[in-house]
PDB file of N, CA and C in Angstrom:
ATOM      1  N   MET A   1       0.834  -1.182   0.000  1.00  0.00           N
ATOM      2  CA  MET A   1       0.000   0.000   0.000  1.00  0.00           C
ATOM      3  C   MET A   1       0.881   1.249   0.000  1.00  0.00           C
ATOM      4  N   ALA A   2       0.495   2.223  -0.807  1.00  0.00           N
ATOM      5  CA  ALA A   2       1.282   3.451  -0.938  1.00  0.00           C
ATOM      6  C   ALA A   2       1.036   4.394   0.235  1.00  0.00           C
ATOM      7  N   ASP A   3       2.123   5.012   0.672  1.00  0.00           N
ATOM      8  CA  ASP A   3       2.061   6.019   1.725  1.00  0.00           C
ATOM      9  C   ASP A   3       2.426   7.353   1.088  1.00  0.00           C
ATOM     10  N   GLU A   4       1.445   8.266   1.000  1.00  0.00           N
ATOM     11  CA  GLU A   4       1.681   9.575   0.412  1.00  0.00           C
ATOM     12  C   GLU A   4       1.660  10.629   1.504  1.00  0.00           C
ATOM     13  N   ARG A   5       2.729  11.435   1.536  1.00  0.00           N
ATOM     14  CA  ARG A   5       2.826  12.486   2.550  1.00  0.00           C
ATOM     15  C   ARG A   5       3.087  13.832   1.897  1.00  0.00           C
ATOM     16  N   PHE A   6       2.412  14.836   2.409  1.00  0.00           N
ATOM     17  CA  PHE A   6       2.607  16.212   1.961  1.00  0.00           C
ATOM     18  C   PHE A   6       3.978  16.690   2.412  1.00  0.00           C
ATOM     19  N   LEU A   7       4.728  17.329   1.490  1.00  0.00           N
ATOM     20  CA  LEU A   7       6.044  17.862   1.819  1.00  0.00           C
ATOM     21  C   LEU A   7       6.002  19.372   2.030  1.00  0.00           C
ATOM     22  N   MET A   8       5.482  20.088   1.031  1.00  0.00           N
ATOM     23  CA  MET A   8       5.502  21.551   1.111  1.00  0.00           C
ATOM     24  C   MET A   8       4.623  22.158   0.036  1.00  0.00           C
ATOM     25  N   ARG A   9       4.282  23.424   0.226  1.00  0.00           N
ATOM     26  CA  ARG A   9       3.605  24.228  -0.794  1.00  0.00           C
ATOM     27  C   ARG A   9       4.544  25.368  -1.155  1.00  0.00           C
ATOM     28  N   SER A  10       4.836  25.518  -2.439  1.00  0.00           N
ATOM     29  CA  SER A  10       5.730  26.586  -2.893  1.00  0.00           C
ATOM     30  C   SER A  10       5.005  27.923  -2.869  1.00  0.00           C
ATOM     31  N   SER A  11       5.757  28.991  -3.044  1.00  0.00           N
ATOM     32  CA  SER A  11       5.160  30.327  -3.069  1.00  0.00           C
ATOM     33  C   SER A  11       4.220  30.489  -4.268  1.00  0.00           C
ATOM     34  N   ALA A  12       4.366  29.639  -5.272  1.00  0.00           N
ATOM     35  CA  ALA A  12       3.487  29.675  -6.443  1.00  0.00           C
ATOM     36  C   ALA A  12       2.240  28.817  -6.242  1.00  0.00           C
ATOM     37  N   GLY A  13       2.112  28.221  -5.058  1.00  0.00           N
ATOM     38  CA  GLY A  13       0.932  27.402  -4.781  1.00  0.00           C
ATOM     39  C   GLY A  13       1.018  25.980  -5.295  1.00  0.00           C
ATOM     40  N   VAL A  14       2.218  25.512  -5.577  1.00  0.00           N
ATOM     41  CA  VAL A  14       2.407  24.140  -6.044  1.00  0.00           C
ATOM     42  C   VAL A  14       2.649  23.251  -4.827  1.00  0.00           C
ATOM     43  N   ASP A  15       1.813  22.230  -4.663  1.00  0.00           N
ATOM     44  CA  ASP A  15       1.956  21.276  -3.564  1.00  0.00           C
ATOM     45  C   ASP A  15       2.858  20.125  -3.995  1.00  0.00           C
ATOM     46  N   HIS A  16       3.754  19.737  -3.105  1.00  0.00           N
ATOM     47  CA  HIS A  16       4.700  18.649  -3.375  1.00  0.00           C
ATOM     48  C   HIS A  16       4.457  17.529  -2.370  1.00  0.00           C
ATOM     49  N   TYR A  17       4.416  16.300  -2.868  1.00  0.00           N
ATOM     50  CA  TYR A  17       4.164  15.121  -2.052  1.00  0.00           C
ATOM     51  C   TYR A  17       5.247  14.083  -2.301  1.00  0.00           C
ATOM     52  N   ILE A  18       5.504  13.261  -1.299  1.00  0.00           N
ATOM     53  CA  ILE A  18       6.386  12.099  -1.460  1.00  0.00           C
ATOM     54  C   ILE A  18       5.516  10.854  -1.306  1.00  0.00           C
ATOM     55  N   ILE A  19       5.747   9.896  -2.193  1.00  0.00           N
ATOM     56  CA  ILE A  19       4.983   8.646  -2.179  1.00  0.00           C
ATOM     57  C   ILE A  19       5.966   7.493  -2.013  1.00  0.00           C
ATOM     58  N   GLN A  20       5.730   6.665  -1.007  1.00  0.00           N
ATOM     59  CA  GLN A  20       6.559   5.484  -0.779  1.00  0.00           C
ATOM     60  C   GLN A  20       5.671   4.253  -0.880  1.00  0.00           C
ATOM     61  N   ASP A  21       6.126   3.284  -1.668  1.00  0.00           N
ATOM     62  CA  ASP A  21       5.405   2.025  -1.780  1.00  0.00           C
ATOM     63  C   ASP A  21       6.398   0.915  -2.121  1.00  0.00           C
ATOM     64  N   ASP A  22       5.905  -0.235  -2.500  1.00  0.00           N
ATOM     65  CA  ASP A  22       6.768  -1.381  -2.794  1.00  0.00           C
ATOM     66  C   ASP A  22       7.716  -1.119  -3.963  1.00  0.00           C
ATOM     67  N   ASP A  23       7.352  -0.191  -4.839  1.00  0.00           N
ATOM     68  CA  ASP A  23       8.187   0.124  -5.999  1.00  0.00           C
ATOM     69  C   ASP A  23       9.281   1.143  -5.683  1.00  0.00           C
ATOM     70  N   GLY A  24       9.246   1.741  -4.499  1.00  0.00           N
ATOM     71  CA  GLY A  24      10.261   2.716  -4.112  1.00  0.00           C
ATOM     72  C   GLY A  24       9.647   4.037  -3.716  1.00  0.00           C
ATOM     73  N   VAL A  25      10.380   5.086  -4.020  1.00  0.00           N
ATOM     74  CA  VAL A  25       9.977   6.447  -3.656  1.00  0.00           C
ATOM     75  C   VAL A  25       9.797   7.263  -4.929  1.00  0.00           C
ATOM     76  N   ARG A  26       8.746   8.043  -4.962  1.00  0.00           N
ATOM     77  CA  ARG A  26       8.526   8.970  -6.074  1.00  0.00           C
ATOM     78  C   ARG A  26       7.874  10.235  -5.527  1.00  0.00           C
ATOM     79  N   PHE A  27       7.822  11.248  -6.365  1.00  0.00           N
ATOM     80  CA  PHE A  27       7.263  12.531  -5.957  1.00  0.00           C
ATOM     81  C   PHE A  27       6.091  12.891  -6.855  1.00  0.00           C
ATOM     82  N   ARG A  28       5.161  13.643  -6.295  1.00  0.00           N
ATOM     83  CA  ARG A  28       4.002  14.101  -7.043  1.00  0.00           C
ATOM     84  C   ARG A  28       3.806  15.583  -6.741  1.00  0.00           C
ATOM     85  N   THR A  29       3.408  16.324  -7.755  1.00  0.00           N
ATOM     86  CA  THR A  29       3.082  17.734  -7.564  1.00  0.00           C
ATOM     87  C   THR A  29       1.659  17.978  -8.036  1.00  0.00           C
ATOM     88  N   SER A  30       1.011  18.958  -7.443  1.00  0.00           N
ATOM     89  CA  SER A  30      -0.309  19.372  -7.898  1.00  0.00           C
ATOM     90  C   SER A  30      -0.477  20.858  -7.619  1.00  0.00           C
ATOM     91  N   GLN A  31      -1.374  21.462  -8.360  1.00  0.00           N
ATOM     92  CA  GLN A  31      -1.626  22.889  -8.197  1.00  0.00           C
ATOM     93  C   GLN A  31      -3.074  23.172  -8.560  1.00  0.00           C
ATOM     94  N   ASN A  32      -3.751  23.943  -7.724  1.00  0.00           N
ATOM     95  CA  ASN A  32      -5.086  24.403  -8.053  1.00  0.00           C
ATOM     96  C   ASN A  32      -4.932  25.595  -8.982  1.00  0.00           C
ATOM     97  N   VAL A  33      -5.218  25.402 -10.255  1.00  0.00           N
ATOM     98  CA  VAL A  33      -5.012  26.451 -11.247  1.00  0.00           C
ATOM     99  C   VAL A  33      -6.250  27.330 -11.431  1.00  0.00           C
ATOM    100  N   ASP A  34      -7.363  26.981 -10.808  1.00  0.00           N
ATOM    101  CA  ASP A  34      -8.599  27.744 -11.004  1.00  0.00           C
ATOM    102  C   ASP A  34      -8.454  29.236 -10.714  1.00  0.00           C
ATOM    103  N   PRO A  35      -7.829  29.651  -9.593  1.00  0.00           N
ATOM    104  CA  PRO A  35      -7.691  31.094  -9.356  1.00  0.00           C
ATOM    105  C   PRO A  35      -6.867  31.804 -10.441  1.00  0.00           C
ATOM    106  N   ILE A  36      -5.858  31.138 -10.954  1.00  0.00           N
ATOM    107  CA  ILE A  36      -5.024  31.726 -12.005  1.00  0.00           C
ATOM    108  C   ILE A  36      -5.831  31.876 -13.290  1.00  0.00           C
ATOM    109  N   LEU A  37      -6.611  30.846 -13.633  1.00  0.00           N
ATOM    110  CA  LEU A  37      -7.406  30.895 -14.857  1.00  0.00           C
ATOM    111  C   LEU A  37      -8.524  31.926 -14.758  1.00  0.00           C
ATOM    112  N   GLU A  38      -9.107  32.068 -13.581  1.00  0.00           N
ATOM    113  CA  GLU A  38     -10.135  33.097 -13.372  1.00  0.00           C
ATOM    114  C   GLU A  38      -9.526  34.494 -13.535  1.00  0.00           C
ATOM    115  N   ARG A  39      -8.333  34.683 -12.994  1.00  0.00           N
ATOM    116  CA  ARG A  39      -7.654  35.980 -13.144  1.00  0.00           C
ATOM    117  C   ARG A  39      -7.309  36.237 -14.603  1.00  0.00           C
ATOM    118  N   ASN A  40      -6.860  35.208 -15.323  1.00  0.00           N
ATOM    119  CA  ASN A  40      -6.570  35.359 -16.752  1.00  0.00           C
ATOM    120  C   ASN A  40      -7.807  35.850 -17.496  1.00  0.00           C
ATOM    121  N   LYS A  41      -8.944  35.248 -17.198  1.00  0.00           N
ATOM    122  CA  LYS A  41     -10.197  35.634 -17.858  1.00  0.00           C
ATOM    123  C   LYS A  41     -10.536  37.089 -17.549  1.00  0.00           C
ATOM    124  N   ALA A  42     -10.390  37.478 -16.286  1.00  0.00           N
ATOM    125  CA  ALA A  42     -10.672  38.860 -15.897  1.00  0.00           C
ATOM    126  C   ALA A  42      -9.715  39.825 -16.597  1.00  0.00           C
ATOM    127  N   MET A  43      -8.448  39.461 -16.688  1.00  0.00           N
ATOM    128  CA  MET A  43      -7.463  40.324 -17.331  1.00  0.00           C
ATOM    129  C   MET A  43      -7.735  40.449 -18.831  1.00  0.00           C
ATOM    130  N   THR A  44      -8.182  39.365 -19.458  1.00  0.00           N
ATOM    131  CA  THR A  44      -8.506  39.409 -20.887  1.00  0.00           C
ATOM    132  C   THR A  44      -9.626  40.402 -21.147  1.00  0.00           C
ATOM    133  N   ASN A  45     -10.592  40.462 -20.242  1.00  0.00           N
ATOM    134  CA  ASN A  45     -11.722  41.373 -20.395  1.00  0.00           C
ATOM    135  C   ASN A  45     -11.424  42.782 -19.882  1.00  0.00           C
ATOM    136  N   HIS A  46     -10.297  42.964 -19.209  1.00  0.00           N
ATOM    137  CA  HIS A  46      -9.968  44.247 -18.583  1.00  0.00           C
ATOM    138  C   HIS A  46      -9.538  45.304 -19.606  1.00  0.00           C
ATOM    139  N   ASN A  47      -8.565  44.965 -20.436  1.00  0.00           N
ATOM    140  CA  ASN A  47      -8.079  45.905 -21.458  1.00  0.00           C
ATOM    141  C   ASN A  47      -7.295  45.126 -22.509  1.00  0.00           C
ATOM    142  N   ASP A  48      -6.597  45.843 -23.381  1.00  0.00           N
ATOM    143  CA  ASP A  48      -5.863  45.166 -24.461  1.00  0.00           C
ATOM    144  C   ASP A  48      -4.499  44.633 -24.030  1.00  0.00           C
ATOM    145  N   GLY A  49      -4.126  44.832 -22.770  1.00  0.00           N
ATOM    146  CA  GLY A  49      -2.885  44.273 -22.248  1.00  0.00           C
ATOM    147  C   GLY A  49      -1.688  45.185 -22.345  1.00  0.00           C
ATOM    148  N   TYR A  50      -1.809  46.316 -23.041  1.00  0.00           N
ATOM    149  CA  TYR A  50      -0.669  47.218 -23.193  1.00  0.00           C
ATOM    150  C   TYR A  50      -0.496  48.112 -21.975  1.00  0.00           C
ATOM    151  N   THR A  51       0.760  48.477 -21.711  1.00  0.00           N
ATOM    152  CA  THR A  51       1.055  49.486 -20.696  1.00  0.00           C
ATOM    153  C   THR A  51       0.621  50.841 -21.250  1.00  0.00           C
ATOM    154  N   PRO A  52       0.496  51.864 -20.400  1.00  0.00           N
ATOM    155  CA  PRO A  52       0.108  53.191 -20.897  1.00  0.00           C
ATOM    156  C   PRO A  52       1.015  53.715 -22.014  1.00  0.00           C
ATOM    157  N   SER A  53       2.309  53.388 -21.962  1.00  0.00           N
ATOM    158  CA  SER A  53       3.236  53.843 -23.006  1.00  0.00           C
ATOM    159  C   SER A  53       3.150  52.978 -24.264  1.00  0.00           C
ATOM    160  N   ARG A  54       2.462  51.849 -24.165  1.00  0.00           N
ATOM    161  CA  ARG A  54       2.293  50.867 -25.253  1.00  0.00           C
ATOM    162  C   ARG A  54       3.621  50.217 -25.660  1.00  0.00           C
ATOM    163  N   GLU A  55       4.607  50.281 -24.781  1.00  0.00           N
ATOM    164  CA  GLU A  55       5.894  49.640 -25.049  1.00  0.00           C
ATOM    165  C   GLU A  55       5.877  48.168 -24.687  1.00  0.00           C
ATOM    166  N   LEU A  56       5.082  47.807 -23.692  1.00  0.00           N
ATOM    167  CA  LEU A  56       5.018  46.415 -23.224  1.00  0.00           C
ATOM    168  C   LEU A  56       3.575  45.933 -23.255  1.00  0.00           C
ATOM    169  N   ARG A  57       3.437  44.622 -23.383  1.00  0.00           N
ATOM    170  CA  ARG A  57       2.097  44.034 -23.410  1.00  0.00           C
ATOM    171  C   ARG A  57       2.123  42.706 -22.675  1.00  0.00           C
ATOM    172  N   ARG A  58       1.167  42.513 -21.790  1.00  0.00           N
ATOM    173  CA  ARG A  58       1.033  41.200 -21.153  1.00  0.00           C
ATOM    174  C   ARG A  58       0.186  40.349 -22.090  1.00  0.00           C
ATOM    175  N   VAL A  59       0.522  39.079 -22.168  1.00  0.00           N
ATOM    176  CA  VAL A  59      -0.201  38.217 -23.102  1.00  0.00           C
ATOM    177  C   VAL A  59      -0.736  36.954 -22.454  1.00  0.00           C
ATOM    178  N   ALA A  60      -0.089  36.468 -21.400  1.00  0.00           N
ATOM    179  CA  ALA A  60      -0.515  35.202 -20.811  1.00  0.00           C
ATOM    180  C   ALA A  60       0.022  35.068 -19.397  1.00  0.00           C
ATOM    181  N   SER A  61      -0.617  34.191 -18.658  1.00  0.00           N
ATOM    182  CA  SER A  61      -0.136  33.803 -17.334  1.00  0.00           C
ATOM    183  C   SER A  61      -0.217  32.291 -17.258  1.00  0.00           C
ATOM    184  N   LEU A  62       0.931  31.659 -17.122  1.00  0.00           N
ATOM    185  CA  LEU A  62       1.007  30.199 -17.138  1.00  0.00           C
ATOM    186  C   LEU A  62       1.189  29.656 -15.730  1.00  0.00           C
ATOM    187  N   PRO A  63       0.266  28.836 -15.258  1.00  0.00           N
ATOM    188  CA  PRO A  63       0.479  28.171 -13.969  1.00  0.00           C
ATOM    189  C   PRO A  63       1.691  27.241 -14.064  1.00  0.00           C
ATOM    190  N   PHE A  64       2.435  27.149 -12.975  1.00  0.00           N
ATOM    191  CA  PHE A  64       3.594  26.251 -12.975  1.00  0.00           C
ATOM    192  C   PHE A  64       3.190  24.817 -13.275  1.00  0.00           C
ATOM    193  N   GLY A  65       1.992  24.439 -12.863  1.00  0.00           N
ATOM    194  CA  GLY A  65       1.506  23.090 -13.148  1.00  0.00           C
ATOM    195  C   GLY A  65       1.428  22.807 -14.637  1.00  0.00           C
ATOM    196  N   VAL A  66       1.040  23.801 -15.426  1.00  0.00           N
ATOM    197  CA  VAL A  66       0.965  23.645 -16.880  1.00  0.00           C
ATOM    198  C   VAL A  66       2.375  23.568 -17.470  1.00  0.00           C
ATOM    199  N   ILE A  67       3.257  24.436 -17.017  1.00  0.00           N
ATOM    200  CA  ILE A  67       4.648  24.408 -17.496  1.00  0.00           C
ATOM    201  C   ILE A  67       5.275  23.047 -17.196  1.00  0.00           C
ATOM    202  N   TYR A  68       5.048  22.559 -15.990  1.00  0.00           N
ATOM    203  CA  TYR A  68       5.599  21.265 -15.577  1.00  0.00           C
ATOM    204  C   TYR A  68       4.992  20.126 -16.393  1.00  0.00           C
ATOM    205  N   GLU A  69       3.691  20.196 -16.648  1.00  0.00           N
ATOM    206  CA  GLU A  69       3.034  19.149 -17.452  1.00  0.00           C
ATOM    207  C   GLU A  69       3.634  19.094 -18.848  1.00  0.00           C
ATOM    208  N   TRP A  70       3.849  20.236 -19.478  1.00  0.00           N
ATOM    209  CA  TRP A  70       4.461  20.250 -20.808  1.00  0.00           C
ATOM    210  C   TRP A  70       5.881  19.697 -20.754  1.00  0.00           C
ATOM    211  N   LEU A  71       6.614  20.017 -19.698  1.00  0.00           N
ATOM    212  CA  LEU A  71       7.981  19.518 -19.566  1.00  0.00           C
ATOM    213  C   LEU A  71       7.994  17.991 -19.442  1.00  0.00           C
ATOM    214  N   ILE A  72       7.140  17.458 -18.582  1.00  0.00           N
ATOM    215  CA  ILE A  72       7.124  16.010 -18.344  1.00  0.00           C
ATOM    216  C   ILE A  72       6.491  15.241 -19.506  1.00  0.00           C
ATOM    217  N   ASN A  73       5.345  15.692 -19.986  1.00  0.00           N
ATOM    218  CA  ASN A  73       4.588  14.932 -20.991  1.00  0.00           C
ATOM    219  C   ASN A  73       5.017  15.194 -22.429  1.00  0.00           C
ATOM    220  N   GLU A  74       5.533  16.406 -22.704  1.00  0.00           N
ATOM    221  CA  GLU A  74       5.896  16.744 -24.079  1.00  0.00           C
ATOM    222  C   GLU A  74       7.395  16.954 -24.264  1.00  0.00           C
ATOM    223  N   GLY A  75       8.129  17.061 -23.156  1.00  0.00           N
ATOM    224  CA  GLY A  75       9.585  17.130 -23.231  1.00  0.00           C
ATOM    225  C   GLY A  75      10.174  18.479 -23.587  1.00  0.00           C
ATOM    226  N   TRP A  76       9.437  19.564 -23.351  1.00  0.00           N
ATOM    227  CA  TRP A  76      10.000  20.890 -23.642  1.00  0.00           C
ATOM    228  C   TRP A  76       9.662  21.858 -22.520  1.00  0.00           C
ATOM    229  N   ASN A  77      10.572  22.820 -22.325  1.00  0.00           N
ATOM    230  CA  ASN A  77      10.454  23.794 -21.250  1.00  0.00           C
ATOM    231  C   ASN A  77       9.882  25.092 -21.815  1.00  0.00           C
ATOM    232  N   ALA A  78       8.698  25.471 -21.362  1.00  0.00           N
ATOM    233  CA  ALA A  78       8.032  26.676 -21.866  1.00  0.00           C
ATOM    234  C   ALA A  78       8.790  27.950 -21.494  1.00  0.00           C
ATOM    235  N   LEU A  79       9.677  27.898 -20.510  1.00  0.00           N
ATOM    236  CA  LEU A  79      10.428  29.078 -20.089  1.00  0.00           C
ATOM    237  C   LEU A  79      11.746  29.249 -20.839  1.00  0.00           C
ATOM    238  N   ASP A  80      12.105  28.274 -21.657  1.00  0.00           N
ATOM    239  CA  ASP A  80      13.344  28.340 -22.430  1.00  0.00           C
ATOM    240  C   ASP A  80      13.094  29.144 -23.712  1.00  0.00           C
ATOM    241  N   PRO A  81      13.831  30.243 -23.927  1.00  0.00           N
ATOM    242  CA  PRO A  81      13.626  31.051 -25.139  1.00  0.00           C
ATOM    243  C   PRO A  81      13.760  30.256 -26.441  1.00  0.00           C
ATOM    244  N   GLU A  82      14.503  29.175 -26.407  1.00  0.00           N
ATOM    245  CA  GLU A  82      14.636  28.326 -27.604  1.00  0.00           C
ATOM    246  C   GLU A  82      13.293  27.706 -28.011  1.00  0.00           C
ATOM    247  N   ASN A  83      12.357  27.647 -27.064  1.00  0.00           N
ATOM    248  CA  ASN A  83      11.050  27.042 -27.333  1.00  0.00           C
ATOM    249  C   ASN A  83       9.951  28.077 -27.542  1.00  0.00           C
ATOM    250  N   SER A  84      10.335  29.323 -27.835  1.00  0.00           N
ATOM    251  CA  SER A  84       9.332  30.376 -27.969  1.00  0.00           C
ATOM    252  C   SER A  84       8.347  30.100 -29.101  1.00  0.00           C
ATOM    253  N   HIS A  85       8.776  29.441 -30.169  1.00  0.00           N
ATOM    254  CA  HIS A  85       7.845  29.091 -31.253  1.00  0.00           C
ATOM    255  C   HIS A  85       6.773  28.114 -30.761  1.00  0.00           C
ATOM    256  N   LYS A  86       7.183  27.127 -29.975  1.00  0.00           N
ATOM    257  CA  LYS A  86       6.218  26.160 -29.434  1.00  0.00           C
ATOM    258  C   LYS A  86       5.241  26.845 -28.484  1.00  0.00           C
ATOM    259  N   LEU A  87       5.772  27.719 -27.647  1.00  0.00           N
ATOM    260  CA  LEU A  87       4.920  28.427 -26.699  1.00  0.00           C
ATOM    261  C   LEU A  87       3.928  29.328 -27.421  1.00  0.00           C
ATOM    262  N   ALA A  88       4.383  30.054 -28.428  1.00  0.00           N
ATOM    263  CA  ALA A  88       3.483  30.924 -29.201  1.00  0.00           C
ATOM    264  C   ALA A  88       2.378  30.100 -29.856  1.00  0.00           C
ATOM    265  N   ALA A  89       2.746  28.947 -30.408  1.00  0.00           N
ATOM    266  CA  ALA A  89       1.738  28.090 -31.048  1.00  0.00           C
ATOM    267  C   ALA A  89       0.699  27.618 -30.023  1.00  0.00           C
ATOM    268  N   LYS A  90       1.157  27.223 -28.855  1.00  0.00           N
ATOM    269  CA  LYS A  90       0.219  26.799 -27.800  1.00  0.00           C
ATOM    270  C   LYS A  90      -0.716  27.942 -27.428  1.00  0.00           C
ATOM    271  N   LEU A  91      -0.135  29.123 -27.178  1.00  0.00           N
ATOM    272  CA  LEU A  91      -0.936  30.253 -26.727  1.00  0.00           C
ATOM    273  C   LEU A  91      -1.871  30.782 -27.816  1.00  0.00           C
ATOM    274  N   ASN A  92      -1.555  30.565 -29.072  1.00  0.00           N
ATOM    275  CA  ASN A  92      -2.441  30.957 -30.167  1.00  0.00           C
ATOM    276  C   ASN A  92      -3.567  29.949 -30.385  1.00  0.00           C
ATOM    277  N   SER A  93      -3.426  28.767 -29.822  1.00  0.00           N
ATOM    278  CA  SER A  93      -4.414  27.709 -29.980  1.00  0.00           C
ATOM    279  C   SER A  93      -5.645  27.986 -29.115  1.00  0.00           C
ATOM    280  N   SER A  94      -6.815  27.729 -29.670  1.00  0.00           N
ATOM    281  CA  SER A  94      -8.047  27.910 -28.885  1.00  0.00           C
ATOM    282  C   SER A  94      -8.085  26.959 -27.695  1.00  0.00           C
ATOM    283  N   GLU A  95      -7.358  25.851 -27.781  1.00  0.00           N
ATOM    284  CA  GLU A  95      -7.301  24.890 -26.675  1.00  0.00           C
ATOM    285  C   GLU A  95      -6.685  25.508 -25.415  1.00  0.00           C
ATOM    286  N   TYR A  96      -5.821  26.493 -25.598  1.00  0.00           N
ATOM    287  CA  TYR A  96      -5.134  27.118 -24.460  1.00  0.00           C
ATOM    288  C   TYR A  96      -5.521  28.588 -24.289  1.00  0.00           C
ATOM    289  N   ALA A  97      -6.662  28.980 -24.795  1.00  0.00           N
ATOM    290  CA  ALA A  97      -7.118  30.371 -24.679  1.00  0.00           C
ATOM    291  C   ALA A  97      -7.227  30.801 -23.218  1.00  0.00           C
ATOM    292  N   HIS A  98      -7.496  29.868 -22.326  1.00  0.00           N
ATOM    293  CA  HIS A  98      -7.638  30.182 -20.900  1.00  0.00           C
ATOM    294  C   HIS A  98      -6.325  30.634 -20.252  1.00  0.00           C
ATOM    295  N   LEU A  99      -5.202  30.471 -20.957  1.00  0.00           N
ATOM    296  CA  LEU A  99      -3.919  30.936 -20.436  1.00  0.00           C
ATOM    297  C   LEU A  99      -3.629  32.379 -20.843  1.00  0.00           C
ATOM    298  N   ARG A 100      -4.381  32.890 -21.803  1.00  0.00           N
ATOM    299  CA  ARG A 100      -4.150  34.236 -22.321  1.00  0.00           C
ATOM    300  C   ARG A 100      -4.727  35.306 -21.403  1.00  0.00           C
ATOM    301  N   THR A 101      -4.059  36.468 -21.382  1.00  0.00           N
ATOM    302  CA  THR A 101      -4.542  37.609 -20.603  1.00  0.00           C
ATOM    303  C   THR A 101      -4.843  38.802 -21.502  1.00  0.00           C
ATOM    304  N   ALA A 102      -4.691  38.637 -22.806  1.00  0.00           N
ATOM    305  CA  ALA A 102      -5.030  39.672 -23.777  1.00  0.00           C
ATOM    306  C   ALA A 102      -5.273  38.990 -25.124  1.00  0.00           C
ATOM    307  N   GLU A 103      -6.105  39.607 -25.922  1.00  0.00           N
ATOM    308  CA  GLU A 103      -6.425  39.075 -27.248  1.00  0.00           C
ATOM    309  C   GLU A 103      -5.268  39.281 -28.215  1.00  0.00           C
ATOM    310  N   GLY A 104      -5.349  38.631 -29.379  1.00  0.00           N
ATOM    311  CA  GLY A 104      -4.361  38.811 -30.428  1.00  0.00           C
ATOM    312  C   GLY A 104      -3.538  37.558 -30.652  1.00  0.00           C
ATOM    313  N   ASN A 105      -2.851  37.539 -31.791  1.00  0.00           N
ATOM    314  CA  ASN A 105      -1.984  36.421 -32.130  1.00  0.00           C
ATOM    315  C   ASN A 105      -0.548  36.733 -31.758  1.00  0.00           C
ATOM    316  N   LEU A 106       0.142  35.708 -31.315  1.00  0.00           N
ATOM    317  CA  LEU A 106       1.555  35.841 -30.968  1.00  0.00           C
ATOM    318  C   LEU A 106       2.407  35.256 -32.078  1.00  0.00           C
ATOM    319  N   GLY A 107       3.549  35.845 -32.265  1.00  0.00           N
ATOM    320  CA  GLY A 107       4.512  35.324 -33.212  1.00  0.00           C
ATOM    321  C   GLY A 107       5.902  35.478 -32.628  1.00  0.00           C
ATOM    322  N   VAL A 108       6.886  34.911 -33.291  1.00  0.00           N
ATOM    323  CA  VAL A 108       8.276  35.002 -32.832  1.00  0.00           C
ATOM    324  C   VAL A 108       9.085  35.612 -33.960  1.00  0.00           C
ATOM    325  N   SER A 109       9.830  36.669 -33.626  1.00  0.00           N
ATOM    326  CA  SER A 109      10.677  37.341 -34.582  1.00  0.00           C
ATOM    327  C   SER A 109      12.033  37.593 -33.926  1.00  0.00           C
ATOM    328  N   ASN A 110      13.090  37.143 -34.585  1.00  0.00           N
ATOM    329  CA  ASN A 110      14.448  37.287 -34.037  1.00  0.00           C
ATOM    330  C   ASN A 110      14.551  36.693 -32.638  1.00  0.00           C
ATOM    331  N   GLY A 111      13.851  35.584 -32.400  1.00  0.00           N
ATOM    332  CA  GLY A 111      13.910  34.902 -31.115  1.00  0.00           C
ATOM    333  C   GLY A 111      13.089  35.548 -30.023  1.00  0.00           C
ATOM    334  N   VAL A 112      12.314  36.579 -30.344  1.00  0.00           N
ATOM    335  CA  VAL A 112      11.522  37.288 -29.350  1.00  0.00           C
ATOM    336  C   VAL A 112      10.036  37.102 -29.667  1.00  0.00           C
ATOM    337  N   MET A 113       9.273  36.734 -28.654  1.00  0.00           N
ATOM    338  CA  MET A 113       7.844  36.572 -28.847  1.00  0.00           C
ATOM    339  C   MET A 113       7.202  37.953 -28.926  1.00  0.00           C
ATOM    340  N   ARG A 114       6.376  38.140 -29.922  1.00  0.00           N
ATOM    341  CA  ARG A 114       5.706  39.438 -30.115  1.00  0.00           C
ATOM    342  C   ARG A 114       4.223  39.224 -30.311  1.00  0.00           C
TER     343      ARG A 114
END
């Protein structure tokens, strides 16, 4: 029978657990992403995402749980600039619209997401 124990909650709200059973020791993480997704929805409806000077624009807020899931299940790190094309494609997909905080399409030019 598996013994699962809570280890800690990170400042990002990610819970970490240790599981011990006949197969050995492993770790599990979980995160309640609902508050983040609700905030994303509110931010999308708030404005176009640009700063008053229009020099910067917010486009998305990614829960660590989603970043970790892509790393484990798909083998790529969403925070690595080398993967900006993959991240832009995900964020442009209607499947991941809930991660967006402003409307519009994202693209990558000279290694920079725009």
